[in-house]
Amino acid sequence: MFGPFRSTLAACGGYLWKKAPRLSPPQKYRLRQRMKLVDRNIEVLYQSLKLTGQDLTGYKKIDYLKFDFPKESEMEPRDKYSTFNRKAKDYRRSLHLEPKWTKRSFRVNPKYF
């Protein structure tokens, strides 16, 4: 049952998934470009839906994104490249370890963090 050929990595614990310990500079650059694109899209939506002579659009989500959602230029690098994780040592986890990290927004941290 346990021969000399059974001591492979798959037999010793399943698949071996490797993740880089940190984001590479090209990954960081593409992340910043995606965040800037989102900021531009929010601005376009806000300008197109803004009522004449008023600061609000009447749409809660658009107003929230425009006024309360942090912009890429306003964020600290710590918040750009990591996210909250209650199981991690410093309650931070590198962003690229999160599932679907290129498709979701991680700009808002939990309250009091």
PDB file of N, CA and C in Angstrom:
ATOM      1  N   MET A   1       0.820  -1.185   0.000  1.00  0.00           N
ATOM      2  CA  MET A   1       0.000   0.000   0.000  1.00  0.00           C
ATOM      3  C   MET A   1       0.871   1.259   0.000  1.00  0.00           C
ATOM      4  N   PHE A   2       1.874   1.321   0.865  1.00  0.00           N
ATOM      5  CA  PHE A   2       2.764   2.462   0.908  1.00  0.00           C
ATOM      6  C   PHE A   2       4.114   2.052   0.336  1.00  0.00           C
ATOM      7  N   GLY A   3       4.276   2.233  -0.933  1.00  0.00           N
ATOM      8  CA  GLY A   3       5.531   1.890  -1.583  1.00  0.00           C
ATOM      9  C   GLY A   3       6.406   3.113  -1.726  1.00  0.00           C
ATOM     10  N   PRO A   4       7.555   2.927  -2.320  1.00  0.00           N
ATOM     11  CA  PRO A   4       8.459   4.061  -2.482  1.00  0.00           C
ATOM     12  C   PRO A   4       7.916   5.109  -3.458  1.00  0.00           C
ATOM     13  N   PHE A   5       6.952   4.721  -4.284  1.00  0.00           N
ATOM     14  CA  PHE A   5       6.414   5.657  -5.270  1.00  0.00           C
ATOM     15  C   PHE A   5       5.198   6.421  -4.763  1.00  0.00           C
ATOM     16  N   ARG A   6       4.754   6.141  -3.545  1.00  0.00           N
ATOM     17  CA  ARG A   6       3.565   6.797  -3.002  1.00  0.00           C
ATOM     18  C   ARG A   6       3.910   8.087  -2.253  1.00  0.00           C
ATOM     19  N   SER A   7       5.163   8.402  -2.075  1.00  0.00           N
ATOM     20  CA  SER A   7       5.530   9.573  -1.289  1.00  0.00           C
ATOM     21  C   SER A   7       5.640  10.812  -2.185  1.00  0.00           C
ATOM     22  N   THR A   8       4.594  11.100  -2.901  1.00  0.00           N
ATOM     23  CA  THR A   8       4.553  12.314  -3.702  1.00  0.00           C
ATOM     24  C   THR A   8       3.886  13.409  -2.894  1.00  0.00           C
ATOM     25  N   LEU A   9       3.975  14.621  -3.378  1.00  0.00           N
ATOM     26  CA  LEU A   9       3.345  15.733  -2.669  1.00  0.00           C
ATOM     27  C   LEU A   9       1.837  15.557  -2.590  1.00  0.00           C
ATOM     28  N   ALA A  10       1.241  15.014  -3.659  1.00  0.00           N
ATOM     29  CA  ALA A  10      -0.205  14.808  -3.643  1.00  0.00           C
ATOM     30  C   ALA A  10      -0.587  13.762  -2.608  1.00  0.00           C
ATOM     31  N   ALA A  11       0.233  12.735  -2.451  1.00  0.00           N
ATOM     32  CA  ALA A  11      -0.068  11.691  -1.473  1.00  0.00           C
ATOM     33  C   ALA A  11       0.189  12.163  -0.050  1.00  0.00           C
ATOM     34  N   CYS A  12       1.050  13.155   0.110  1.00  0.00           N
ATOM     35  CA  CYS A  12       1.394  13.638   1.453  1.00  0.00           C
ATOM     36  C   CYS A  12       0.488  14.770   1.928  1.00  0.00           C
ATOM     37  N   GLY A  13      -0.501  15.138   1.189  1.00  0.00           N
ATOM     38  CA  GLY A  13      -1.351  16.206   1.692  1.00  0.00           C
ATOM     39  C   GLY A  13      -2.195  16.856   0.632  1.00  0.00           C
ATOM     40  N   GLY A  14      -2.349  16.255  -0.502  1.00  0.00           N
ATOM     41  CA  GLY A  14      -3.204  16.827  -1.528  1.00  0.00           C
ATOM     42  C   GLY A  14      -2.435  17.728  -2.464  1.00  0.00           C
ATOM     43  N   TYR A  15      -3.174  18.572  -3.144  1.00  0.00           N
ATOM     44  CA  TYR A  15      -2.557  19.470  -4.109  1.00  0.00           C
ATOM     45  C   TYR A  15      -1.648  20.475  -3.410  1.00  0.00           C
ATOM     46  N   LEU A  16      -0.657  20.886  -4.119  1.00  0.00           N
ATOM     47  CA  LEU A  16       0.260  21.882  -3.588  1.00  0.00           C
ATOM     48  C   LEU A  16      -0.003  23.196  -4.313  1.00  0.00           C
ATOM     49  N   TRP A  17      -0.770  24.075  -3.672  1.00  0.00           N
ATOM     50  CA  TRP A  17      -1.092  25.366  -4.268  1.00  0.00           C
ATOM     51  C   TRP A  17      -0.096  26.379  -3.758  1.00  0.00           C
ATOM     52  N   LYS A  18       0.501  27.075  -4.671  1.00  0.00           N
ATOM     53  CA  LYS A  18       1.494  28.062  -4.264  1.00  0.00           C
ATOM     54  C   LYS A  18       0.990  29.457  -4.586  1.00  0.00           C
ATOM     55  N   LYS A  19       1.106  30.323  -3.634  1.00  0.00           N
ATOM     56  CA  LYS A  19       0.773  31.735  -3.825  1.00  0.00           C
ATOM     57  C   LYS A  19       2.005  32.544  -3.481  1.00  0.00           C
ATOM     58  N   ALA A  20       2.232  33.603  -4.209  1.00  0.00           N
ATOM     59  CA  ALA A  20       3.349  34.487  -3.907  1.00  0.00           C
ATOM     60  C   ALA A  20       3.092  35.172  -2.561  1.00  0.00           C
ATOM     61  N   PRO A  21       4.118  35.408  -1.782  1.00  0.00           N
ATOM     62  CA  PRO A  21       3.897  36.017  -0.459  1.00  0.00           C
ATOM     63  C   PRO A  21       3.442  37.472  -0.519  1.00  0.00           C
ATOM     64  N   ARG A  22       3.685  38.147  -1.633  1.00  0.00           N
ATOM     65  CA  ARG A  22       3.269  39.545  -1.752  1.00  0.00           C
ATOM     66  C   ARG A  22       2.915  39.841  -3.205  1.00  0.00           C
ATOM     67  N   LEU A  23       2.254  40.949  -3.397  1.00  0.00           N
ATOM     68  CA  LEU A  23       1.912  41.377  -4.753  1.00  0.00           C
ATOM     69  C   LEU A  23       3.171  41.818  -5.492  1.00  0.00           C
ATOM     70  N   SER A  24       3.250  41.472  -6.746  1.00  0.00           N
ATOM     71  CA  SER A  24       4.376  41.926  -7.554  1.00  0.00           C
ATOM     72  C   SER A  24       4.103  43.363  -8.022  1.00  0.00           C
ATOM     73  N   PRO A  25       5.142  44.093  -8.408  1.00  0.00           N
ATOM     74  CA  PRO A  25       4.916  45.466  -8.911  1.00  0.00           C
ATOM     75  C   PRO A  25       3.937  45.554 -10.089  1.00  0.00           C
ATOM     76  N   PRO A  26       3.973  44.635 -11.076  1.00  0.00           N
ATOM     77  CA  PRO A  26       2.946  44.724 -12.127  1.00  0.00           C
ATOM     78  C   PRO A  26       1.530  44.482 -11.612  1.00  0.00           C
ATOM     79  N   GLN A  27       1.385  43.598 -10.625  1.00  0.00           N
ATOM     80  CA  GLN A  27       0.062  43.372 -10.049  1.00  0.00           C
ATOM     81  C   GLN A  27      -0.429  44.629  -9.334  1.00  0.00           C
ATOM     82  N   LYS A  28       0.467  45.282  -8.618  1.00  0.00           N
ATOM     83  CA  LYS A  28       0.093  46.525  -7.932  1.00  0.00           C
ATOM     84  C   LYS A  28      -0.293  47.603  -8.936  1.00  0.00           C
ATOM     85  N   TYR A  29       0.459  47.701 -10.007  1.00  0.00           N
ATOM     86  CA  TYR A  29       0.161  48.697 -11.039  1.00  0.00           C
ATOM     87  C   TYR A  29      -1.213  48.447 -11.647  1.00  0.00           C
ATOM     88  N   ARG A  30      -1.507  47.198 -12.007  1.00  0.00           N
ATOM     89  CA  ARG A  30      -2.815  46.878 -12.601  1.00  0.00           C
ATOM     90  C   ARG A  30      -3.943  47.112 -11.599  1.00  0.00           C
ATOM     91  N   LEU A  31      -3.695  46.818 -10.328  1.00  0.00           N
ATOM     92  CA  LEU A  31      -4.698  47.082  -9.296  1.00  0.00           C
ATOM     93  C   LEU A  31      -4.995  48.574  -9.215  1.00  0.00           C
ATOM     94  N   ARG A  32      -3.955  49.408  -9.200  1.00  0.00           N
ATOM     95  CA  ARG A  32      -4.167  50.860  -9.159  1.00  0.00           C
ATOM     96  C   ARG A  32      -4.909  51.348 -10.392  1.00  0.00           C
ATOM     97  N   GLN A  33      -4.597  50.800 -11.565  1.00  0.00           N
ATOM     98  CA  GLN A  33      -5.292  51.192 -12.792  1.00  0.00           C
ATOM     99  C   GLN A  33      -6.769  50.806 -12.734  1.00  0.00           C
ATOM    100  N   ARG A  34      -7.077  49.617 -12.201  1.00  0.00           N
ATOM    101  CA  ARG A  34      -8.481  49.212 -12.056  1.00  0.00           C
ATOM    102  C   ARG A  34      -9.214  50.127 -11.099  1.00  0.00           C
ATOM    103  N   MET A  35      -8.559  50.494  -9.994  1.00  0.00           N
ATOM    104  CA  MET A  35      -9.193  51.382  -9.021  1.00  0.00           C
ATOM    105  C   MET A  35      -9.437  52.764  -9.615  1.00  0.00           C
ATOM    106  N   LYS A  36      -8.502  53.273 -10.399  1.00  0.00           N
ATOM    107  CA  LYS A  36      -8.681  54.570 -11.056  1.00  0.00           C
ATOM    108  C   LYS A  36      -9.813  54.508 -12.074  1.00  0.00           C
ATOM    109  N   LEU A  37      -9.929  53.392 -12.772  1.00  0.00           N
ATOM    110  CA  LEU A  37     -11.027  53.223 -13.727  1.00  0.00           C
ATOM    111  C   LEU A  37     -12.372  53.238 -13.009  1.00  0.00           C
ATOM    112  N   VAL A  38     -12.452  52.566 -11.874  1.00  0.00           N
ATOM    113  CA  VAL A  38     -13.686  52.573 -11.086  1.00  0.00           C
ATOM    114  C   VAL A  38     -14.004  53.998 -10.625  1.00  0.00           C
ATOM    115  N   ASP A  39     -12.988  54.735 -10.185  1.00  0.00           N
ATOM    116  CA  ASP A  39     -13.211  56.119  -9.757  1.00  0.00           C
ATOM    117  C   ASP A  39     -13.732  56.983 -10.907  1.00  0.00           C
ATOM    118  N   ARG A  40     -13.171  56.789 -12.092  1.00  0.00           N
ATOM    119  CA  ARG A  40     -13.657  57.557 -13.257  1.00  0.00           C
ATOM    120  C   ARG A  40     -15.099  57.181 -13.600  1.00  0.00           C
ATOM    121  N   ASN A  41     -15.422  55.904 -13.522  1.00  0.00           N
ATOM    122  CA  ASN A  41     -16.790  55.469 -13.826  1.00  0.00           C
ATOM    123  C   ASN A  41     -17.788  56.023 -12.813  1.00  0.00           C
ATOM    124  N   ILE A  42     -17.400  56.062 -11.538  1.00  0.00           N
ATOM    125  CA  ILE A  42     -18.273  56.645 -10.516  1.00  0.00           C
ATOM    126  C   ILE A  42     -18.505  58.121 -10.807  1.00  0.00           C
ATOM    127  N   GLU A  43     -17.446  58.826 -11.192  1.00  0.00           N
ATOM    128  CA  GLU A  43     -17.566  60.250 -11.509  1.00  0.00           C
ATOM    129  C   GLU A  43     -18.487  60.480 -12.712  1.00  0.00           C
ATOM    130  N   VAL A  44     -18.361  59.642 -13.737  1.00  0.00           N
ATOM    131  CA  VAL A  44     -19.218  59.763 -14.926  1.00  0.00           C
ATOM    132  C   VAL A  44     -20.674  59.512 -14.559  1.00  0.00           C
ATOM    133  N   LEU A  45     -20.930  58.474 -13.762  1.00  0.00           N
ATOM    134  CA  LEU A  45     -22.305  58.203 -13.337  1.00  0.00           C
ATOM    135  C   LEU A  45     -22.868  59.369 -12.527  1.00  0.00           C
ATOM    136  N   TYR A  46     -22.057  59.887 -11.629  1.00  0.00           N
ATOM    137  CA  TYR A  46     -22.512  60.997 -10.797  1.00  0.00           C
ATOM    138  C   TYR A  46     -22.830  62.221 -11.646  1.00  0.00           C
ATOM    139  N   GLN A  47     -21.942  62.587 -12.565  1.00  0.00           N
ATOM    140  CA  GLN A  47     -22.161  63.764 -13.405  1.00  0.00           C
ATOM    141  C   GLN A  47     -23.377  63.592 -14.311  1.00  0.00           C
ATOM    142  N   SER A  48     -23.607  62.376 -14.785  1.00  0.00           N
ATOM    143  CA  SER A  48     -24.733  62.178 -15.702  1.00  0.00           C
ATOM    144  C   SER A  48     -26.076  62.141 -14.975  1.00  0.00           C
ATOM    145  N   LEU A  49     -26.081  61.764 -13.705  1.00  0.00           N
ATOM    146  CA  LEU A  49     -27.338  61.659 -12.964  1.00  0.00           C
ATOM    147  C   LEU A  49     -27.588  62.841 -12.037  1.00  0.00           C
ATOM    148  N   LYS A  50     -26.626  63.740 -11.907  1.00  0.00           N
ATOM    149  CA  LYS A  50     -26.759  64.877 -10.997  1.00  0.00           C
ATOM    150  C   LYS A  50     -27.869  65.810 -11.483  1.00  0.00           C
ATOM    151  N   LEU A  51     -28.705  66.204 -10.546  1.00  0.00           N
ATOM    152  CA  LEU A  51     -29.786  67.127 -10.868  1.00  0.00           C
ATOM    153  C   LEU A  51     -29.227  68.539 -10.965  1.00  0.00           C
ATOM    154  N   THR A  52     -29.806  69.330 -11.790  1.00  0.00           N
ATOM    155  CA  THR A  52     -29.332  70.700 -12.004  1.00  0.00           C
ATOM    156  C   THR A  52     -29.452  71.516 -10.724  1.00  0.00           C
ATOM    157  N   GLY A  53     -28.355  72.127 -10.323  1.00  0.00           N
ATOM    158  CA  GLY A  53     -28.351  72.980  -9.145  1.00  0.00           C
ATOM    159  C   GLY A  53     -28.300  72.232  -7.826  1.00  0.00           C
ATOM    160  N   GLN A  54     -28.120  70.930  -7.836  1.00  0.00           N
ATOM    161  CA  GLN A  54     -28.055  70.149  -6.601  1.00  0.00           C
ATOM    162  C   GLN A  54     -26.766  69.331  -6.581  1.00  0.00           C
ATOM    163  N   ASP A  55     -26.365  68.932  -5.370  1.00  0.00           N
ATOM    164  CA  ASP A  55     -25.173  68.108  -5.247  1.00  0.00           C
ATOM    165  C   ASP A  55     -25.486  66.621  -5.250  1.00  0.00           C
ATOM    166  N   LEU A  56     -26.708  66.238  -5.012  1.00  0.00           N
ATOM    167  CA  LEU A  56     -27.072  64.825  -4.932  1.00  0.00           C
ATOM    168  C   LEU A  56     -27.798  64.382  -6.186  1.00  0.00           C
ATOM    169  N   THR A  57     -27.728  63.083  -6.454  1.00  0.00           N
ATOM    170  CA  THR A  57     -28.381  62.539  -7.638  1.00  0.00           C
ATOM    171  C   THR A  57     -29.781  62.024  -7.340  1.00  0.00           C
ATOM    172  N   GLY A  58     -30.034  61.690  -6.086  1.00  0.00           N
ATOM    173  CA  GLY A  58     -31.305  61.064  -5.744  1.00  0.00           C
ATOM    174  C   GLY A  58     -31.179  59.555  -5.664  1.00  0.00           C
ATOM    175  N   TYR A  59     -30.026  59.018  -6.043  1.00  0.00           N
ATOM    176  CA  TYR A  59     -29.750  57.583  -5.949  1.00  0.00           C
ATOM    177  C   TYR A  59     -28.760  57.373  -4.811  1.00  0.00           C
ATOM    178  N   LYS A  60     -29.175  56.623  -3.795  1.00  0.00           N
ATOM    179  CA  LYS A  60     -28.354  56.478  -2.595  1.00  0.00           C
ATOM    180  C   LYS A  60     -27.002  55.843  -2.894  1.00  0.00           C
ATOM    181  N   LYS A  61     -26.989  54.812  -3.717  1.00  0.00           N
ATOM    182  CA  LYS A  61     -25.728  54.110  -3.988  1.00  0.00           C
ATOM    183  C   LYS A  61     -24.747  54.991  -4.766  1.00  0.00           C
ATOM    184  N   ILE A  62     -25.240  55.741  -5.725  1.00  0.00           N
ATOM    185  CA  ILE A  62     -24.356  56.623  -6.497  1.00  0.00           C
ATOM    186  C   ILE A  62     -23.804  57.720  -5.590  1.00  0.00           C
ATOM    187  N   ASP A  63     -24.671  58.292  -4.749  1.00  0.00           N
ATOM    188  CA  ASP A  63     -24.219  59.326  -3.825  1.00  0.00           C
ATOM    189  C   ASP A  63     -23.218  58.771  -2.821  1.00  0.00           C
ATOM    190  N   TYR A  64     -23.450  57.540  -2.343  1.00  0.00           N
ATOM    191  CA  TYR A  64     -22.510  56.908  -1.425  1.00  0.00           C
ATOM    192  C   TYR A  64     -21.151  56.716  -2.100  1.00  0.00           C
ATOM    193  N   LEU A  65     -21.166  56.195  -3.323  1.00  0.00           N
ATOM    194  CA  LEU A  65     -19.909  55.964  -4.032  1.00  0.00           C
ATOM    195  C   LEU A  65     -19.168  57.264  -4.305  1.00  0.00           C
ATOM    196  N   LYS A  66     -19.891  58.320  -4.586  1.00  0.00           N
ATOM    197  CA  LYS A  66     -19.248  59.595  -4.900  1.00  0.00           C
ATOM    198  C   LYS A  66     -18.665  60.266  -3.654  1.00  0.00           C
ATOM    199  N   PHE A  67     -19.409  60.276  -2.553  1.00  0.00           N
ATOM    200  CA  PHE A  67     -19.009  61.070  -1.394  1.00  0.00           C
ATOM    201  C   PHE A  67     -18.371  60.269  -0.258  1.00  0.00           C
ATOM    202  N   ASP A  68     -18.722  59.005  -0.070  1.00  0.00           N
ATOM    203  CA  ASP A  68     -18.224  58.244   1.082  1.00  0.00           C
ATOM    204  C   ASP A  68     -17.220  57.155   0.714  1.00  0.00           C
ATOM    205  N   PHE A  69     -17.234  56.708  -0.513  1.00  0.00           N
ATOM    206  CA  PHE A  69     -16.340  55.641  -0.965  1.00  0.00           C
ATOM    207  C   PHE A  69     -14.947  56.231  -1.176  1.00  0.00           C
ATOM    208  N   PRO A  70     -13.901  55.666  -0.571  1.00  0.00           N
ATOM    209  CA  PRO A  70     -12.563  56.274  -0.737  1.00  0.00           C
ATOM    210  C   PRO A  70     -12.042  56.123  -2.159  1.00  0.00           C
ATOM    211  N   LYS A  71     -11.405  57.165  -2.647  1.00  0.00           N
ATOM    212  CA  LYS A  71     -10.798  57.128  -3.976  1.00  0.00           C
ATOM    213  C   LYS A  71      -9.413  56.507  -3.876  1.00  0.00           C
ATOM    214  N   GLU A  72      -8.899  56.055  -4.998  1.00  0.00           N
ATOM    215  CA  GLU A  72      -7.593  55.404  -5.015  1.00  0.00           C
ATOM    216  C   GLU A  72      -6.512  56.353  -4.515  1.00  0.00           C
ATOM    217  N   SER A  73      -6.590  57.610  -4.888  1.00  0.00           N
ATOM    218  CA  SER A  73      -5.565  58.580  -4.490  1.00  0.00           C
ATOM    219  C   SER A  73      -5.635  58.914  -3.001  1.00  0.00           C
ATOM    220  N   GLU A  74      -6.769  58.682  -2.359  1.00  0.00           N
ATOM    221  CA  GLU A  74      -6.941  58.990  -0.938  1.00  0.00           C
ATOM    222  C   GLU A  74      -6.550  57.834  -0.029  1.00  0.00           C
ATOM    223  N   MET A  75      -6.346  56.667  -0.587  1.00  0.00           N
ATOM    224  CA  MET A  75      -6.093  55.482   0.225  1.00  0.00           C
ATOM    225  C   MET A  75      -4.611  55.334   0.552  1.00  0.00           C
ATOM    226  N   GLU A  76      -4.336  54.781   1.718  1.00  0.00           N
ATOM    227  CA  GLU A  76      -2.969  54.452   2.104  1.00  0.00           C
ATOM    228  C   GLU A  76      -2.572  53.145   1.422  1.00  0.00           C
ATOM    229  N   PRO A  77      -1.295  52.934   1.178  1.00  0.00           N
ATOM    230  CA  PRO A  77      -0.869  51.666   0.572  1.00  0.00           C
ATOM    231  C   PRO A  77      -1.295  50.448   1.391  1.00  0.00           C
ATOM    232  N   ARG A  78      -1.313  50.598   2.698  1.00  0.00           N
ATOM    233  CA  ARG A  78      -1.736  49.487   3.561  1.00  0.00           C
ATOM    234  C   ARG A  78      -3.173  49.061   3.236  1.00  0.00           C
ATOM    235  N   ASP A  79      -4.028  50.039   2.955  1.00  0.00           N
ATOM    236  CA  ASP A  79      -5.418  49.720   2.640  1.00  0.00           C
ATOM    237  C   ASP A  79      -5.592  49.290   1.187  1.00  0.00           C
ATOM    238  N   LYS A  80      -4.718  49.745   0.305  1.00  0.00           N
ATOM    239  CA  LYS A  80      -4.823  49.363  -1.107  1.00  0.00           C
ATOM    240  C   LYS A  80      -4.484  47.905  -1.334  1.00  0.00           C
ATOM    241  N   TYR A  81      -3.432  47.439  -0.666  1.00  0.00           N
ATOM    242  CA  TYR A  81      -2.871  46.135  -0.995  1.00  0.00           C
ATOM    243  C   TYR A  81      -3.162  45.049   0.024  1.00  0.00           C
ATOM    244  N   SER A  82      -3.913  45.361   1.068  1.00  0.00           N
ATOM    245  CA  SER A  82      -4.287  44.329   2.030  1.00  0.00           C
ATOM    246  C   SER A  82      -5.722  44.575   2.477  1.00  0.00           C
ATOM    247  N   THR A  83      -6.280  43.574   3.094  1.00  0.00           N
ATOM    248  CA  THR A  83      -7.664  43.674   3.531  1.00  0.00           C
ATOM    249  C   THR A  83      -7.806  43.097   4.934  1.00  0.00           C
ATOM    250  N   PHE A  84      -8.901  43.381   5.577  1.00  0.00           N
ATOM    251  CA  PHE A  84      -9.149  42.892   6.932  1.00  0.00           C
ATOM    252  C   PHE A  84      -9.355  41.381   6.911  1.00  0.00           C
ATOM    253  N   ASN A  85      -8.741  40.698   7.890  1.00  0.00           N
ATOM    254  CA  ASN A  85      -8.955  39.273   8.083  1.00  0.00           C
ATOM    255  C   ASN A  85      -8.816  38.993   9.569  1.00  0.00           C
ATOM    256  N   ARG A  86      -9.896  38.570  10.197  1.00  0.00           N
ATOM    257  CA  ARG A  86      -9.882  38.408  11.651  1.00  0.00           C
ATOM    258  C   ARG A  86      -9.002  37.250  12.100  1.00  0.00           C
ATOM    259  N   LYS A  87      -8.659  36.322  11.183  1.00  0.00           N
ATOM    260  CA  LYS A  87      -7.836  35.171  11.573  1.00  0.00           C
ATOM    261  C   LYS A  87      -6.343  35.428  11.410  1.00  0.00           C
ATOM    262  N   ALA A  88      -5.976  36.489  10.743  1.00  0.00           N
ATOM    263  CA  ALA A  88      -4.562  36.779  10.515  1.00  0.00           C
ATOM    264  C   ALA A  88      -3.930  37.390  11.761  1.00  0.00           C
ATOM    265  N   LYS A  89      -2.613  37.344  11.818  1.00  0.00           N
ATOM    266  CA  LYS A  89      -1.879  37.811  12.991  1.00  0.00           C
ATOM    267  C   LYS A  89      -2.134  39.290  13.278  1.00  0.00           C
ATOM    268  N   ASP A  90      -1.988  40.126  12.284  1.00  0.00           N
ATOM    269  CA  ASP A  90      -2.208  41.559  12.465  1.00  0.00           C
ATOM    270  C   ASP A  90      -3.558  42.009  11.915  1.00  0.00           C
ATOM    271  N   TYR A  91      -4.483  41.075  11.759  1.00  0.00           N
ATOM    272  CA  TYR A  91      -5.813  41.329  11.193  1.00  0.00           C
ATOM    273  C   TYR A  91      -5.733  41.861   9.771  1.00  0.00           C
ATOM    274  N   ARG A  92      -4.660  41.555   9.083  1.00  0.00           N
ATOM    275  CA  ARG A  92      -4.471  41.960   7.693  1.00  0.00           C
ATOM    276  C   ARG A  92      -4.115  40.741   6.870  1.00  0.00           C
ATOM    277  N   ARG A  93      -4.593  40.734   5.640  1.00  0.00           N
ATOM    278  CA  ARG A  93      -4.274  39.659   4.702  1.00  0.00           C
ATOM    279  C   ARG A  93      -3.990  40.300   3.362  1.00  0.00           C
ATOM    280  N   SER A  94      -2.970  39.799   2.681  1.00  0.00           N
ATOM    281  CA  SER A  94      -2.612  40.348   1.387  1.00  0.00           C
ATOM    282  C   SER A  94      -3.792  40.197   0.422  1.00  0.00           C
ATOM    283  N   LEU A  95      -4.020  41.205  -0.354  1.00  0.00           N
ATOM    284  CA  LEU A  95      -5.212  41.261  -1.198  1.00  0.00           C
ATOM    285  C   LEU A  95      -5.276  40.128  -2.211  1.00  0.00           C
ATOM    286  N   HIS A  96      -4.130  39.718  -2.758  1.00  0.00           N
ATOM    287  CA  HIS A  96      -4.148  38.698  -3.800  1.00  0.00           C
ATOM    288  C   HIS A  96      -4.467  37.306  -3.257  1.00  0.00           C
ATOM    289  N   LEU A  97      -4.563  37.153  -1.960  1.00  0.00           N
ATOM    290  CA  LEU A  97      -4.948  35.874  -1.373  1.00  0.00           C
ATOM    291  C   LEU A  97      -6.461  35.754  -1.211  1.00  0.00           C
ATOM    292  N   GLU A  98      -7.173  36.838  -1.415  1.00  0.00           N
ATOM    293  CA  GLU A  98      -8.635  36.822  -1.334  1.00  0.00           C
ATOM    294  C   GLU A  98      -9.221  36.254  -2.622  1.00  0.00           C
ATOM    295  N   PRO A  99     -10.326  35.528  -2.525  1.00  0.00           N
ATOM    296  CA  PRO A  99     -10.953  35.028  -3.754  1.00  0.00           C
ATOM    297  C   PRO A  99     -11.528  36.168  -4.596  1.00  0.00           C
ATOM    298  N   LYS A 100     -11.326  36.079  -5.886  1.00  0.00           N
ATOM    299  CA  LYS A 100     -11.827  37.048  -6.864  1.00  0.00           C
ATOM    300  C   LYS A 100     -11.378  38.475  -6.540  1.00  0.00           C
ATOM    301  N   TRP A 101     -10.146  38.643  -6.160  1.00  0.00           N
ATOM    302  CA  TRP A 101      -9.656  39.945  -5.707  1.00  0.00           C
ATOM    303  C   TRP A 101      -9.605  40.968  -6.825  1.00  0.00           C
ATOM    304  N   THR A 102      -9.609  40.557  -8.080  1.00  0.00           N
ATOM    305  CA  THR A 102      -9.620  41.531  -9.166  1.00  0.00           C
ATOM    306  C   THR A 102     -11.033  41.964  -9.528  1.00  0.00           C
ATOM    307  N   LYS A 103     -12.035  41.291  -9.019  1.00  0.00           N
ATOM    308  CA  LYS A 103     -13.419  41.581  -9.382  1.00  0.00           C
ATOM    309  C   LYS A 103     -14.183  42.303  -8.280  1.00  0.00           C
ATOM    310  N   ARG A 104     -13.659  42.315  -7.069  1.00  0.00           N
ATOM    311  CA  ARG A 104     -14.385  42.902  -5.950  1.00  0.00           C
ATOM    312  C   ARG A 104     -13.667  44.131  -5.422  1.00  0.00           C
ATOM    313  N   SER A 105     -14.402  44.931  -4.687  1.00  0.00           N
ATOM    314  CA  SER A 105     -13.814  46.124  -4.076  1.00  0.00           C
ATOM    315  C   SER A 105     -13.539  45.842  -2.607  1.00  0.00           C
ATOM    316  N   PHE A 106     -12.326  46.128  -2.172  1.00  0.00           N
ATOM    317  CA  PHE A 106     -11.946  45.943  -0.784  1.00  0.00           C
ATOM    318  C   PHE A 106     -11.565  47.285  -0.167  1.00  0.00           C
ATOM    319  N   ARG A 107     -12.186  48.335  -0.585  1.00  0.00           N
ATOM    320  CA  ARG A 107     -11.775  49.681  -0.145  1.00  0.00           C
ATOM    321  C   ARG A 107     -12.291  50.029   1.240  1.00  0.00           C
ATOM    322  N   VAL A 108     -13.380  49.446   1.680  1.00  0.00           N
ATOM    323  CA  VAL A 108     -13.977  49.832   2.946  1.00  0.00           C
ATOM    324  C   VAL A 108     -13.644  48.764   3.993  1.00  0.00           C
ATOM    325  N   ASN A 109     -13.050  49.190   5.099  1.00  0.00           N
ATOM    326  CA  ASN A 109     -12.715  48.283   6.200  1.00  0.00           C
ATOM    327  C   ASN A 109     -13.862  48.246   7.198  1.00  0.00           C
ATOM    328  N   PRO A 110     -13.852  47.245   8.080  1.00  0.00           N
ATOM    329  CA  PRO A 110     -14.892  47.211   9.112  1.00  0.00           C
ATOM    330  C   PRO A 110     -14.832  48.451  10.011  1.00  0.00           C
ATOM    331  N   LYS A 111     -15.923  48.724  10.667  1.00  0.00           N
ATOM    332  CA  LYS A 111     -16.003  49.888  11.541  1.00  0.00           C
ATOM    333  C   LYS A 111     -14.999  49.734  12.690  1.00  0.00           C
ATOM    334  N   TYR A 112     -14.355  50.822  13.043  1.00  0.00           N
ATOM    335  CA  TYR A 112     -13.354  50.906  14.121  1.00  0.00           C
ATOM    336  C   TYR A 112     -12.067  50.154  13.803  1.00  0.00           C
ATOM    337  N   PHE A 113     -11.767  49.868  12.539  1.00  0.00           N
ATOM    338  CA  PHE A 113     -10.518  49.178  12.204  1.00  0.00           C
ATOM    339  C   PHE A 113      -9.574  50.130  11.510  1.00  0.00           C
TER     340      PHE A 113
END
